[in-house]
Amino acid sequence: MYGVHWLMRTIGRLGEDATLRVKNALGQEGTVYIPIAGARAQAGKIQLKLQNRLVEYEAVTSTPERLATGTKVRVVGLLGNTLEVEPIKAASAV
């Protein structure tokens, strides 16, 4: 029975496409890994979960302030393979 399960699982994987598509990062949330300079002055890096993988991409921001390591960000645009991000504002307590 285990052999049949393994065989069916293997056959099912033949149709999977493991290509990582950067456009799927739009709208995703991630964390700054290497600080990002403000106003697109210099790229940093972010980590995010994309297609069930933890990936790292270069990122820039158009906000004037620098984004420090650990800042939560959302992907708002693509510039080739570089992501444009904006910080996620913390919800204020009511």
C-alpha atoms as a PDB file:
ATOM      1  CA  MET A   1       0.000   0.000   0.000  1.00  0.00           C
ATOM      2  CA  TYR A   2       2.896   2.360   0.737  1.00  0.00           C
ATOM      3  CA  GLY A   3       4.334   1.642  -2.706  1.00  0.00           C
ATOM      4  CA  VAL A   4       1.069   2.626  -4.413  1.00  0.00           C
ATOM      5  CA  HIS A   5       0.921   5.829  -2.338  1.00  0.00           C
ATOM      6  CA  TRP A   6       4.507   6.720  -3.286  1.00  0.00           C
ATOM      7  CA  LEU A   7       3.847   5.979  -6.971  1.00  0.00           C
ATOM      8  CA  MET A   8       0.686   8.119  -7.080  1.00  0.00           C
ATOM      9  CA  ARG A   9       2.437  10.975  -5.306  1.00  0.00           C
ATOM     10  CA  THR A  10       5.356  10.828  -7.748  1.00  0.00           C
ATOM     11  CA  ILE A  11       3.019  10.813 -10.753  1.00  0.00           C
ATOM     12  CA  GLY A  12       1.119  13.778  -9.311  1.00  0.00           C
ATOM     13  CA  ARG A  13       4.338  15.810  -9.055  1.00  0.00           C
ATOM     14  CA  LEU A  14       5.089  15.478 -12.759  1.00  0.00           C
ATOM     15  CA  GLY A  15       2.689  18.329 -13.490  1.00  0.00           C
ATOM     16  CA  GLU A  16       4.180  20.741 -10.935  1.00  0.00           C
ATOM     17  CA  ASP A  17       6.100  23.777 -12.118  1.00  0.00           C
ATOM     18  CA  ALA A  18       8.786  24.836  -9.651  1.00  0.00           C
ATOM     19  CA  THR A  19       9.681  28.053 -11.485  1.00  0.00           C
ATOM     20  CA  LEU A  20       9.839  31.020  -9.121  1.00  0.00           C
ATOM     21  CA  ARG A  21       7.841  33.920 -10.579  1.00  0.00           C
ATOM     22  CA  VAL A  22       8.789  37.354  -9.233  1.00  0.00           C
ATOM     23  CA  LYS A  23       5.433  38.886 -10.242  1.00  0.00           C
ATOM     24  CA  ASN A  24       3.769  36.697  -7.610  1.00  0.00           C
ATOM     25  CA  ALA A  25       5.527  38.811  -4.963  1.00  0.00           C
ATOM     26  CA  LEU A  26       3.210  41.787  -5.601  1.00  0.00           C
ATOM     27  CA  GLY A  27       1.146  42.451  -2.485  1.00  0.00           C
ATOM     28  CA  GLN A  28       3.150  40.003  -0.352  1.00  0.00           C
ATOM     29  CA  GLU A  29       4.563  40.955   3.035  1.00  0.00           C
ATOM     30  CA  GLY A  30       8.177  40.445   4.021  1.00  0.00           C
ATOM     31  CA  THR A  31      10.899  41.570   6.390  1.00  0.00           C
ATOM     32  CA  VAL A  32      13.910  43.788   5.678  1.00  0.00           C
ATOM     33  CA  TYR A  33      17.074  41.684   5.846  1.00  0.00           C
ATOM     34  CA  ILE A  34      19.671  44.270   4.754  1.00  0.00           C
ATOM     35  CA  PRO A  35      18.681  47.930   5.419  1.00  0.00           C
ATOM     36  CA  ILE A  36      17.148  49.828   2.500  1.00  0.00           C
ATOM     37  CA  ALA A  37      18.116  53.475   1.931  1.00  0.00           C
ATOM     38  CA  GLY A  38      15.224  55.903   1.457  1.00  0.00           C
ATOM     39  CA  ALA A  39      14.224  57.605  -1.799  1.00  0.00           C
ATOM     40  CA  ARG A  40      15.602  54.731  -3.924  1.00  0.00           C
ATOM     41  CA  ALA A  41      19.159  55.828  -3.081  1.00  0.00           C
ATOM     42  CA  GLN A  42      20.444  52.282  -2.590  1.00  0.00           C
ATOM     43  CA  ALA A  43      18.956  48.808  -2.674  1.00  0.00           C
ATOM     44  CA  GLY A  44      18.784  46.564   0.359  1.00  0.00           C
ATOM     45  CA  LYS A  45      17.344  43.075   0.673  1.00  0.00           C
ATOM     46  CA  ILE A  46      14.136  41.596   1.996  1.00  0.00           C
ATOM     47  CA  GLN A  47      13.041  38.088   2.848  1.00  0.00           C
ATOM     48  CA  LEU A  48       9.554  36.870   2.058  1.00  0.00           C
ATOM     49  CA  LYS A  49       7.677  33.647   1.575  1.00  0.00           C
ATOM     50  CA  LEU A  50       6.927  33.186  -2.106  1.00  0.00           C
ATOM     51  CA  GLN A  51       5.398  30.047  -3.579  1.00  0.00           C
ATOM     52  CA  ASN A  52       6.008  28.142  -0.314  1.00  0.00           C
ATOM     53  CA  ARG A  53       9.712  29.080  -0.254  1.00  0.00           C
ATOM     54  CA  LEU A  54      11.626  31.592   1.816  1.00  0.00           C
ATOM     55  CA  VAL A  55      13.359  33.827  -0.737  1.00  0.00           C
ATOM     56  CA  GLU A  56      15.585  36.876  -0.619  1.00  0.00           C
ATOM     57  CA  TYR A  57      15.307  39.732  -3.140  1.00  0.00           C
ATOM     58  CA  GLU A  58      16.883  43.128  -3.653  1.00  0.00           C
ATOM     59  CA  ALA A  59      14.468  45.902  -2.766  1.00  0.00           C
ATOM     60  CA  VAL A  60      14.165  49.685  -2.914  1.00  0.00           C
ATOM     61  CA  THR A  61      11.686  52.102  -1.392  1.00  0.00           C
ATOM     62  CA  SER A  62      10.395  55.478  -2.529  1.00  0.00           C
ATOM     63  CA  THR A  63       9.692  56.588   1.056  1.00  0.00           C
ATOM     64  CA  PRO A  64      12.165  59.202   2.326  1.00  0.00           C
ATOM     65  CA  GLU A  65      13.121  57.299   5.493  1.00  0.00           C
ATOM     66  CA  ARG A  66      15.599  54.430   5.697  1.00  0.00           C
ATOM     67  CA  LEU A  67      14.081  51.001   6.386  1.00  0.00           C
ATOM     68  CA  ALA A  68      16.029  49.214   9.114  1.00  0.00           C
ATOM     69  CA  THR A  69      16.589  45.481   9.496  1.00  0.00           C
ATOM     70  CA  GLY A  70      13.474  43.785  10.831  1.00  0.00           C
ATOM     71  CA  THR A  71      11.012  46.325   9.391  1.00  0.00           C
ATOM     72  CA  LYS A  72       7.839  44.704   8.031  1.00  0.00           C
ATOM     73  CA  VAL A  73       7.222  45.713   4.404  1.00  0.00           C
ATOM     74  CA  ARG A  74       4.745  45.084   1.589  1.00  0.00           C
ATOM     75  CA  VAL A  75       5.760  44.683  -2.066  1.00  0.00           C
ATOM     76  CA  VAL A  76       4.098  47.416  -4.164  1.00  0.00           C
ATOM     77  CA  GLY A  77       5.985  47.226  -7.455  1.00  0.00           C
ATOM     78  CA  LEU A  78       8.577  45.501  -9.619  1.00  0.00           C
ATOM     79  CA  LEU A  79      11.655  47.033 -11.223  1.00  0.00           C
ATOM     80  CA  GLY A  80      13.045  44.082 -13.167  1.00  0.00           C
ATOM     81  CA  ASN A  81      14.135  41.615 -10.473  1.00  0.00           C
ATOM     82  CA  THR A  82      14.231  44.340  -7.810  1.00  0.00           C
ATOM     83  CA  LEU A  83      11.146  44.790  -5.651  1.00  0.00           C
ATOM     84  CA  GLU A  84       9.721  48.152  -4.643  1.00  0.00           C
ATOM     85  CA  VAL A  85       8.455  48.049  -1.060  1.00  0.00           C
ATOM     86  CA  GLU A  86       6.737  50.270   1.456  1.00  0.00           C
ATOM     87  CA  PRO A  87       6.709  49.872   5.238  1.00  0.00           C
ATOM     88  CA  ILE A  88       3.601  48.407   6.841  1.00  0.00           C
ATOM     89  CA  LYS A  89       2.158  50.857   9.322  1.00  0.00           C
ATOM     90  CA  ALA A  90       1.432  49.368  12.742  1.00  0.00           C
ATOM     91  CA  ALA A  91      -2.265  49.435  13.613  1.00  0.00           C
ATOM     92  CA  SER A  92      -2.993  51.996  16.302  1.00  0.00           C
ATOM     93  CA  ALA A  93      -4.627  50.766  19.510  1.00  0.00           C
ATOM     94  CA  VAL A  94      -8.219  51.838  20.032  1.00  0.00           C
END
